[in-house]
Amino acid sequence: MAVSDMAGKPEIMLRFRVAFTRWDPVRDLLALHEQIGQLVGTDAPGWTPPVDLYETGAAFVLTAELPGMQRDAIEIHAEESRITIRGARDAALVPCEQFHRVERGHGRFSRAFVLPEPIDIESVAADFKDGVLTVTIPKAGGRGARRVDVR
């Protein structure tokens, strides 16, 4: 319709209500982290303990900070060239009306690491002292899978 044809007709304006939500990049990153975890087969973590993984001439060494946990709450699984640690830490039961800050993680966790070469699953050893888990993972050509007990 030409502009001259619109001169005698009333103008119609449509109004729509649109709900906008503020973009939260942390929410998107957490959702992506959970999707990746499901993709690679790990449990959806409630928290992620910090881990160091380094290599010596004869072994890989993994250390994880797990303060407040008990030995029997930690599970370590070794297979071919992969090591997985899992566990759960209960939330602190503190009688209070309101928390002002909660930074210590609780709930389930699962961390899996693919190592650059096969490991000797029969010789994997774990030690838990002062809240630090140390897993020594000797290099080898042996294949298979085994559950590792924490001393």
C-alpha atoms as a PDB file:
ATOM      1  CA  MET A   1       0.000   0.000   0.000  1.00  0.00           C
ATOM      2  CA  ALA A   2       1.371   3.395  -0.896  1.00  0.00           C
ATOM      3  CA  VAL A   3       1.831   6.194   1.626  1.00  0.00           C
ATOM      4  CA  SER A   4      -0.921   8.243  -0.025  1.00  0.00           C
ATOM      5  CA  ASP A   5      -3.375   5.337   0.475  1.00  0.00           C
ATOM      6  CA  MET A   6      -2.647   5.265   4.272  1.00  0.00           C
ATOM      7  CA  ALA A   7      -3.616   8.934   4.816  1.00  0.00           C
ATOM      8  CA  GLY A   8      -7.264   8.318   5.596  1.00  0.00           C
ATOM      9  CA  LYS A   9      -6.955   5.069   7.591  1.00  0.00           C
ATOM     10  CA  PRO A  10      -6.273   4.748  11.333  1.00  0.00           C
ATOM     11  CA  GLU A  11      -2.806   3.549  12.332  1.00  0.00           C
ATOM     12  CA  ILE A  12      -2.690   0.150  14.020  1.00  0.00           C
ATOM     13  CA  MET A  13       0.050  -0.495  16.555  1.00  0.00           C
ATOM     14  CA  LEU A  14       0.636  -3.912  18.029  1.00  0.00           C
ATOM     15  CA  ARG A  15       2.158  -4.238  21.476  1.00  0.00           C
ATOM     16  CA  PHE A  16       3.807  -7.378  22.720  1.00  0.00           C
ATOM     17  CA  ARG A  17       5.068  -8.106  26.187  1.00  0.00           C
ATOM     18  CA  VAL A  18       8.472  -9.792  26.045  1.00  0.00           C
ATOM     19  CA  ALA A  19      10.120 -11.252  29.109  1.00  0.00           C
ATOM     20  CA  PHE A  20      13.835 -10.598  29.070  1.00  0.00           C
ATOM     21  CA  THR A  21      16.198 -12.483  31.319  1.00  0.00           C
ATOM     22  CA  ARG A  22      19.618 -11.280  32.274  1.00  0.00           C
ATOM     23  CA  TRP A  23      22.407 -13.366  30.767  1.00  0.00           C
ATOM     24  CA  ASP A  24      24.322 -15.250  33.423  1.00  0.00           C
ATOM     25  CA  PRO A  25      27.601 -16.622  32.008  1.00  0.00           C
ATOM     26  CA  VAL A  26      28.297 -18.707  35.134  1.00  0.00           C
ATOM     27  CA  ARG A  27      24.962 -20.496  34.755  1.00  0.00           C
ATOM     28  CA  ASP A  28      25.803 -21.255  31.122  1.00  0.00           C
ATOM     29  CA  LEU A  29      29.281 -22.529  32.046  1.00  0.00           C
ATOM     30  CA  LEU A  30      27.869 -24.793  34.764  1.00  0.00           C
ATOM     31  CA  ALA A  31      25.296 -26.177  32.329  1.00  0.00           C
ATOM     32  CA  LEU A  32      28.047 -26.815  29.782  1.00  0.00           C
ATOM     33  CA  HIS A  33      30.205 -28.499  32.452  1.00  0.00           C
ATOM     34  CA  GLU A  34      27.330 -30.806  33.364  1.00  0.00           C
ATOM     35  CA  GLN A  35      26.642 -31.666  29.709  1.00  0.00           C
ATOM     36  CA  ILE A  36      30.306 -32.482  29.101  1.00  0.00           C
ATOM     37  CA  GLY A  37      30.343 -34.620  32.249  1.00  0.00           C
ATOM     38  CA  GLN A  38      27.356 -36.595  30.984  1.00  0.00           C
ATOM     39  CA  LEU A  39      28.999 -36.938  27.586  1.00  0.00           C
ATOM     40  CA  VAL A  40      32.184 -38.507  28.997  1.00  0.00           C
ATOM     41  CA  GLY A  41      30.291 -40.635  31.523  1.00  0.00           C
ATOM     42  CA  THR A  42      31.166 -39.002  34.846  1.00  0.00           C
ATOM     43  CA  ASP A  43      28.670 -38.296  37.589  1.00  0.00           C
ATOM     44  CA  ALA A  44      27.295 -34.794  37.774  1.00  0.00           C
ATOM     45  CA  PRO A  45      29.540 -33.302  40.444  1.00  0.00           C
ATOM     46  CA  GLY A  46      28.335 -31.411  43.469  1.00  0.00           C
ATOM     47  CA  TRP A  47      31.815 -29.922  43.772  1.00  0.00           C
ATOM     48  CA  THR A  48      35.204 -30.325  42.168  1.00  0.00           C
ATOM     49  CA  PRO A  49      38.207 -30.927  44.423  1.00  0.00           C
ATOM     50  CA  PRO A  50      41.488 -29.371  43.234  1.00  0.00           C
ATOM     51  CA  VAL A  51      43.882 -31.920  41.759  1.00  0.00           C
ATOM     52  CA  ASP A  52      47.547 -31.942  40.703  1.00  0.00           C
ATOM     53  CA  LEU A  53      48.669 -34.601  38.247  1.00  0.00           C
ATOM     54  CA  TYR A  54      52.337 -34.881  37.367  1.00  0.00           C
ATOM     55  CA  GLU A  55      54.695 -37.390  35.820  1.00  0.00           C
ATOM     56  CA  THR A  56      58.010 -38.811  36.993  1.00  0.00           C
ATOM     57  CA  GLY A  57      60.257 -41.211  35.111  1.00  0.00           C
ATOM     58  CA  ALA A  58      58.476 -44.294  36.443  1.00  0.00           C
ATOM     59  CA  ALA A  59      54.986 -43.131  37.426  1.00  0.00           C
ATOM     60  CA  PHE A  60      52.203 -40.581  37.333  1.00  0.00           C
ATOM     61  CA  VAL A  61      51.306 -39.005  40.671  1.00  0.00           C
ATOM     62  CA  LEU A  62      47.880 -37.563  41.402  1.00  0.00           C
ATOM     63  CA  THR A  63      47.214 -35.484  44.520  1.00  0.00           C
ATOM     64  CA  ALA A  64      43.757 -34.256  45.455  1.00  0.00           C
ATOM     65  CA  GLU A  65      42.689 -31.974  48.289  1.00  0.00           C
ATOM     66  CA  LEU A  66      39.838 -33.710  50.127  1.00  0.00           C
ATOM     67  CA  PRO A  67      39.640 -32.101  53.574  1.00  0.00           C
ATOM     68  CA  GLY A  68      36.960 -33.364  55.906  1.00  0.00           C
ATOM     69  CA  MET A  69      36.539 -36.665  54.090  1.00  0.00           C
ATOM     70  CA  GLN A  70      36.991 -40.180  55.416  1.00  0.00           C
ATOM     71  CA  ARG A  71      38.972 -42.916  53.637  1.00  0.00           C
ATOM     72  CA  ASP A  72      35.905 -45.082  53.095  1.00  0.00           C
ATOM     73  CA  ALA A  73      34.110 -42.214  51.279  1.00  0.00           C
ATOM     74  CA  ILE A  74      36.736 -42.197  48.489  1.00  0.00           C
ATOM     75  CA  GLU A  75      36.673 -44.577  45.534  1.00  0.00           C
ATOM     76  CA  ILE A  76      39.532 -44.934  43.047  1.00  0.00           C
ATOM     77  CA  HIS A  77      39.233 -46.895  39.829  1.00  0.00           C
ATOM     78  CA  ALA A  78      42.179 -47.654  37.511  1.00  0.00           C
ATOM     79  CA  GLU A  79      42.011 -49.073  33.995  1.00  0.00           C
ATOM     80  CA  GLU A  80      44.427 -49.189  31.041  1.00  0.00           C
ATOM     81  CA  SER A  81      45.440 -45.507  30.830  1.00  0.00           C
ATOM     82  CA  ARG A  82      42.651 -43.888  32.871  1.00  0.00           C
ATOM     83  CA  ILE A  83      42.273 -43.111  36.572  1.00  0.00           C
ATOM     84  CA  THR A  84      39.005 -42.035  38.211  1.00  0.00           C
ATOM     85  CA  ILE A  85      38.420 -40.755  41.742  1.00  0.00           C
ATOM     86  CA  ARG A  86      34.919 -40.454  43.176  1.00  0.00           C
ATOM     87  CA  GLY A  87      33.431 -39.670  46.517  1.00  0.00           C
ATOM     88  CA  ALA A  88      30.962 -37.662  48.520  1.00  0.00           C
ATOM     89  CA  ARG A  89      31.301 -35.137  51.308  1.00  0.00           C
ATOM     90  CA  ASP A  90      28.320 -34.304  53.490  1.00  0.00           C
ATOM     91  CA  ALA A  91      27.330 -30.695  54.046  1.00  0.00           C
ATOM     92  CA  ALA A  92      28.249 -29.308  57.448  1.00  0.00           C
ATOM     93  CA  LEU A  93      25.240 -29.294  59.745  1.00  0.00           C
ATOM     94  CA  VAL A  94      25.505 -25.942  61.469  1.00  0.00           C
ATOM     95  CA  PRO A  95      22.622 -24.631  63.585  1.00  0.00           C
ATOM     96  CA  CYS A  96      22.060 -21.172  62.141  1.00  0.00           C
ATOM     97  CA  GLU A  97      19.297 -19.042  60.679  1.00  0.00           C
ATOM     98  CA  GLN A  98      21.099 -17.996  57.524  1.00  0.00           C
ATOM     99  CA  PHE A  99      24.385 -18.629  55.766  1.00  0.00           C
ATOM    100  CA  HIS A 100      26.172 -15.512  54.555  1.00  0.00           C
ATOM    101  CA  ARG A 101      28.743 -17.394  52.483  1.00  0.00           C
ATOM    102  CA  VAL A 102      29.182 -21.039  51.515  1.00  0.00           C
ATOM    103  CA  GLU A 103      32.435 -21.755  49.685  1.00  0.00           C
ATOM    104  CA  ARG A 104      33.327 -25.265  50.821  1.00  0.00           C
ATOM    105  CA  GLY A 105      32.021 -27.839  48.383  1.00  0.00           C
ATOM    106  CA  HIS A 106      29.848 -30.739  49.414  1.00  0.00           C
ATOM    107  CA  GLY A 107      27.961 -33.506  47.729  1.00  0.00           C
ATOM    108  CA  ARG A 108      29.234 -35.998  45.169  1.00  0.00           C
ATOM    109  CA  PHE A 109      32.289 -35.512  42.993  1.00  0.00           C
ATOM    110  CA  SER A 110      33.908 -37.456  40.194  1.00  0.00           C
ATOM    111  CA  ARG A 111      37.204 -36.713  38.442  1.00  0.00           C
ATOM    112  CA  ALA A 112      38.539 -38.817  35.571  1.00  0.00           C
ATOM    113  CA  PHE A 113      41.948 -38.446  33.919  1.00  0.00           C
ATOM    114  CA  VAL A 114      43.215 -40.058  30.749  1.00  0.00           C
ATOM    115  CA  LEU A 115      46.955 -40.630  30.975  1.00  0.00           C
ATOM    116  CA  PRO A 116      49.255 -40.484  27.944  1.00  0.00           C
ATOM    117  CA  GLU A 117      50.358 -44.114  28.271  1.00  0.00           C
ATOM    118  CA  PRO A 118      49.160 -47.410  29.829  1.00  0.00           C
ATOM    119  CA  ILE A 119      49.557 -47.910  33.583  1.00  0.00           C
ATOM    120  CA  ASP A 120      50.382 -50.896  35.783  1.00  0.00           C
ATOM    121  CA  ILE A 121      46.962 -51.288  37.390  1.00  0.00           C
ATOM    122  CA  GLU A 122      48.153 -53.937  39.851  1.00  0.00           C
ATOM    123  CA  SER A 123      50.715 -51.547  41.359  1.00  0.00           C
ATOM    124  CA  VAL A 124      48.545 -48.428  41.749  1.00  0.00           C
ATOM    125  CA  ALA A 125      48.710 -47.284  45.383  1.00  0.00           C
ATOM    126  CA  ALA A 126      46.803 -44.595  47.272  1.00  0.00           C
ATOM    127  CA  ASP A 127      47.513 -42.839  50.558  1.00  0.00           C
ATOM    128  CA  PHE A 128      45.247 -40.401  52.415  1.00  0.00           C
ATOM    129  CA  LYS A 129      46.843 -38.174  55.036  1.00  0.00           C
ATOM    130  CA  ASP A 130      45.828 -34.779  56.469  1.00  0.00           C
ATOM    131  CA  GLY A 131      43.050 -34.355  53.893  1.00  0.00           C
ATOM    132  CA  VAL A 132      45.330 -34.941  50.892  1.00  0.00           C
ATOM    133  CA  LEU A 133      44.882 -38.014  48.711  1.00  0.00           C
ATOM    134  CA  THR A 134      48.057 -39.126  46.899  1.00  0.00           C
ATOM    135  CA  VAL A 135      47.707 -41.772  44.196  1.00  0.00           C
ATOM    136  CA  THR A 136      50.909 -43.235  42.718  1.00  0.00           C
ATOM    137  CA  ILE A 137      50.247 -44.709  39.282  1.00  0.00           C
ATOM    138  CA  PRO A 138      53.209 -46.690  37.898  1.00  0.00           C
ATOM    139  CA  LYS A 139      53.705 -46.764  34.128  1.00  0.00           C
ATOM    140  CA  ALA A 140      53.500 -50.180  32.448  1.00  0.00           C
ATOM    141  CA  GLY A 141      52.189 -52.140  29.520  1.00  0.00           C
ATOM    142  CA  GLY A 142      49.633 -54.183  31.523  1.00  0.00           C
ATOM    143  CA  ARG A 143      45.956 -53.942  30.521  1.00  0.00           C
ATOM    144  CA  GLY A 144      42.768 -54.406  32.500  1.00  0.00           C
ATOM    145  CA  ALA A 145      40.839 -52.722  35.317  1.00  0.00           C
ATOM    146  CA  ARG A 146      41.056 -52.801  39.109  1.00  0.00           C
ATOM    147  CA  ARG A 147      39.581 -51.016  42.146  1.00  0.00           C
ATOM    148  CA  VAL A 148      42.221 -49.390  44.397  1.00  0.00           C
ATOM    149  CA  ASP A 149      41.872 -49.395  48.189  1.00  0.00           C
ATOM    150  CA  VAL A 150      42.861 -46.240  50.072  1.00  0.00           C
ATOM    151  CA  ARG A 151      45.285 -46.843  52.953  1.00  0.00           C
END
